[in-house]
Protein backbone atom coordinates (compact mmCIF):
# COMPACT_ATOMS: atom_id res chain seq x y z
CA MET A 1 -18.74 -16.45 7.67
CA PRO A 2 -18.53 -13.22 5.67
CA ASP A 3 -17.42 -13.29 2.01
CA ILE A 4 -13.83 -12.11 1.66
CA LYS A 5 -13.84 -9.19 -0.87
CA GLY A 6 -10.20 -8.97 -1.83
CA HIS A 7 -6.62 -9.28 -0.65
CA ILE A 8 -4.95 -6.11 0.39
CA LEU A 9 -1.38 -5.55 1.51
CA VAL A 10 -0.27 -2.66 3.80
CA ILE A 11 3.39 -1.89 3.76
CA ASP A 12 4.37 0.53 6.54
CA ASP A 13 7.21 0.59 9.01
CA GLU A 14 4.85 1.75 11.73
CA ALA A 15 3.21 -1.32 13.22
CA GLU A 16 0.35 0.75 14.63
CA ALA A 17 -0.50 2.20 11.26
CA CYS A 18 -0.56 -1.31 9.76
CA GLU A 19 -2.78 -2.64 12.46
CA PHE A 20 -5.12 0.34 12.26
CA ILE A 21 -5.76 -0.06 8.54
CA LYS A 22 -5.85 -3.80 8.78
CA SER A 23 -8.54 -3.84 11.47
CA PHE A 24 -10.57 -1.15 9.74
CA LEU A 25 -10.61 -3.13 6.45
CA GLU A 26 -11.13 -6.53 8.02
CA GLU A 27 -14.27 -5.23 9.68
CA ARG A 28 -15.42 -4.62 6.17
CA SER A 29 -14.70 -8.19 4.97
CA TYR A 30 -11.39 -7.58 3.23
CA SER A 31 -8.49 -9.87 3.66
CA VAL A 32 -5.51 -7.86 4.83
CA ILE A 33 -1.85 -8.78 5.26
CA THR A 34 0.83 -6.40 6.45
CA ALA A 35 4.58 -6.00 5.96
CA LEU A 36 6.76 -3.81 8.23
CA ASN A 37 9.46 -2.92 5.64
CA GLY A 38 9.98 -2.58 1.93
CA HIS A 39 11.86 -5.84 1.48
CA SER A 40 9.21 -7.95 3.10
CA GLY A 41 6.55 -5.92 1.18
CA ILE A 42 8.14 -6.84 -2.15
CA GLU A 43 8.19 -10.48 -1.17
CA SER A 44 4.63 -10.33 -0.10
CA ILE A 45 3.54 -8.85 -3.39
CA LYS A 46 5.40 -11.53 -5.30
CA ASN A 47 3.98 -14.38 -3.12
CA ASN A 48 0.42 -13.20 -2.39
CA LYS A 49 -0.44 -11.02 -5.53
CA PRO A 50 -2.73 -8.68 -3.56
CA ALA A 51 -5.57 -6.85 -5.35
CA LEU A 52 -4.36 -3.57 -3.79
CA VAL A 53 -1.26 -2.37 -2.01
CA PHE A 54 -0.94 0.62 0.39
CA LEU A 55 2.75 1.60 0.43
CA ASP A 56 4.35 4.06 2.84
CA MET A 57 6.62 6.56 1.09
CA ARG A 58 9.21 6.87 3.94
CA MET A 59 10.59 3.72 5.45
CA PRO A 60 14.04 3.23 6.95
CA ASP A 61 15.16 0.12 4.94
CA ILE A 62 14.10 1.16 1.46
CA THR A 63 11.70 3.94 0.44
CA GLY A 64 8.39 3.53 -1.33
CA LEU A 65 10.08 4.79 -4.49
CA GLU A 66 12.71 2.14 -4.22
CA VAL A 67 10.01 -0.49 -3.72
CA LEU A 68 8.23 0.76 -6.83
CA SER A 69 11.45 0.79 -8.78
CA LYS A 70 12.26 -2.83 -7.80
CA LEU A 71 8.78 -4.04 -8.75
CA LYS A 72 9.07 -2.18 -12.14
CA GLU A 73 12.49 -3.87 -12.70
CA ASP A 74 10.91 -7.30 -11.96
CA ASN A 75 7.93 -6.55 -14.25
CA ILE A 76 5.56 -7.00 -11.27
CA THR A 77 2.32 -5.12 -11.66
CA ALA A 78 0.17 -4.31 -8.73
CA LYS A 79 -2.33 -1.55 -7.94
CA ILE A 80 -0.27 0.56 -5.51
CA ILE A 81 -1.58 3.52 -3.49
CA LEU A 82 1.16 5.57 -1.97
CA MET A 83 0.75 6.78 1.67
CA THR A 84 2.71 9.82 2.67
CA ALA A 85 2.71 12.79 5.07
CA ILE A 86 5.20 14.62 2.84
CA ASP A 87 3.84 16.92 0.18
CA GLU A 88 6.66 16.45 -2.41
CA GLU A 89 5.46 16.99 -5.89
CA ALA A 90 8.56 15.67 -7.56
CA GLU A 91 8.52 12.44 -5.55
CA ILE A 92 4.79 11.96 -6.07
CA GLU A 93 5.22 12.44 -9.81
CA LYS A 94 8.12 9.95 -9.81
CA ALA A 95 5.87 7.45 -7.88
CA LYS A 96 3.22 7.78 -10.54
CA GLN A 97 5.78 7.24 -13.32
CA LEU A 98 6.91 4.12 -11.50
CA GLY A 99 3.30 2.75 -11.35
CA ALA A 100 1.55 4.17 -8.26
CA ILE A 101 -2.16 4.70 -9.10
CA GLY A 102 -2.86 7.12 -6.31
CA ILE A 103 -1.82 8.91 -3.18
CA ILE A 104 -3.34 8.96 0.29
CA LYS A 105 -2.12 11.59 2.76
CA LYS A 106 -1.10 10.58 6.18
CA PRO A 107 -2.59 10.56 8.73
CA VAL A 108 -4.91 8.34 6.83
CA GLN A 109 -8.63 9.43 6.89
CA LEU A 110 -10.92 6.38 7.11
CA GLN A 111 -13.46 7.82 4.68
CA GLU A 112 -10.76 8.32 2.08
CA LEU A 113 -9.29 4.90 2.75
CA SER A 114 -12.68 3.28 2.36
CA ALA A 115 -13.40 5.11 -0.89
CA THR A 116 -10.04 4.21 -2.31
CA VAL A 117 -10.53 0.57 -1.49
CA LYS A 118 -14.03 0.49 -3.02
CA GLN A 119 -12.71 2.02 -6.18
CA ASN A 120 -9.74 -0.27 -6.66
CA VAL A 121 -10.70 -3.73 -5.31
């Protein structure tokens, strides 16, 4: 049985994106859980305390910025990497102010994903 390297949470409203990232990271011996919306993502962060979180910026229930705001309000710290296809400097800057430690552009490139995980877990 392989050693599990670290718990990672993927929060994205697109199930295919979650499964794609999950299977890629599990093949590399990471423990990965997913959440399909911001509310369940917040609960998962509180309950599972992941080593790293990949958070989609645009979701229908609450946005990535709202998730970051809620976590900050509740004094919950987590290493959060924002995932976005939108190149909005103001939103990216706001995300960093709210605690995001990095940004990955969508569609996610596996080499960038792998390097980000190795750097942060």
